[in-house]
């Protein structure tokens, strides 16, 4: 299956570089490009896309708002935010808006390709440890009023084992690491993660992480309540 990718960045040279890397892959095709978020949304109305590589700072409509609008659509593509170390707050906002992950703009080509495949499959958070550090840094921005919802809301639908898995996902562990921690097979962990997503009506693991922080299940530093 060919992964249809859209590049959204106001820097033409950067888009050209990414396009060259992706064009060399037998399982990827760049089907569209846009110079800002508004143009991207227009193009998506007529173009089938699986994964959007989304810059953050762009004219007219930035990547965060574009991501929010794209992810609100029916059966939207997965969005992978492109960021830099000094713009981590934008990456956080992108995750809150529905992005499936984020990468640094200077990421090695191999890691970028792996990230696109991971996001497309929905199996993994891109760079879980980085996601955790990001959320630890910005968790004070999250509302504290969600803690009651954690004890009496949707999370109560989970079994004890699913709740264990959710907490470990939220702490940045991969499926393999969770399997080792709970002495389960990786396939079993993947099944648990799938059930968690279904029960909580979440798109992917990134949203599991964000929800766990918002509801107070996990606090800054990776601990749990």
Foldseek 3Di string as FASTA:
>chain_A
DAAEEEEEALDPVLVVVLQVLQVVDPRYHDPYYYNALVVVVVVVVPDDHAEYEAEADGPPHGRLVSLLVQQVDPPGHAYEYEDAPVVLVSQVSNLVSPHQEYDYSPDPSVLVVVCSVCRSVLQAYRQLQVLLLSCLVCLVVADAVLQVCCVVHLVVVADPVLLVLLLVLLLRDHLVRSCVVVVHDSVVSSVSQVVVCVSVVHRHSSVSNVSCSNNQQAHRPSHGD
